[in-house]
Amino acid sequence: MWISNSDLAGLFLVMANADPASGYKGITCFAVERDAPGFEVGKKETKLGIRASGTCTLHFDNVKVHESAIVGQYGHGYKYAAGFLNEGRIGIGAQMIGCAQGALDKTIPYTLERKQFGKDIFSFQSMQHQIAQTVTQLEAARLLVYNAARLREAGLPFMKEAAMAKYYASEVAQTVTVKCIDWMGGVGFTQDYPQEKFYRDVKIGAIYEGTTNMQLSTIAKAIRKEYS
């Protein structure tokens, strides 16, 4: 399993099934020290994006911990893990918004300065429409993230809204960063400008904390429940 920031962590929360016969109800959360016998952090992976965040494989070889290492209640690990993921999806949505906004902030000024056929390229109607569409999509994604966060802070159900926020924000972020590279032209494809980094970083949004397909399934299940 690949775990973010595991190259730096000294303590790990491990969801392990202490009673396999009970199915998911046996899953329990344990705190495992980095130096626990049989536990090893693998090599740091070389990734396409989010390279500032270390990602390593964790290896368990007959690792044993005392019952005092249980975090929370015995058999509640699945519940905790689901909660972590649901909350994390709001954070990933916000991350995607930030990357997309950063790409736009670095690109739109370029379109105002870059001259073609005697005027800045922002002045062309086709460019204006593309910029207007992407900025509108980004704002819609931002509001989805804010709404999910609002529900979470109010203590209201937010699973569907968190899935919507992560799904849409990751899709929009990919659209925005691709457009920004297009608008920059050839220089956008070089590492002299940050657009290519934003492009690489947002790809993970459709993968971690639950893939896009998982988010769509979660949303669909919630809709079915609402109308049943």
Foldseek 3Di string as FASTA:
>chain_A
DKDKQPVPDQKDWDFDQPDVVVPLLRTFTFIDGQPFPQKHWADFDDALAPRVITITDIGGDPTDDDPVRTDDDGSCNVVVVLVVLQVVLLVLLVVLLVLLVVLCVQQPVQQQVDDDPHHRNCPDPVNVVLVVVLVVLSVVLVVLSVVLVVCVVVVHDRSLSSLVSLLSSLVSSLVSLVVSLVSVPPVSVDPVGCSSRSNSHSNCSCPPSAHSVRSVVSNVVVVVVVVD
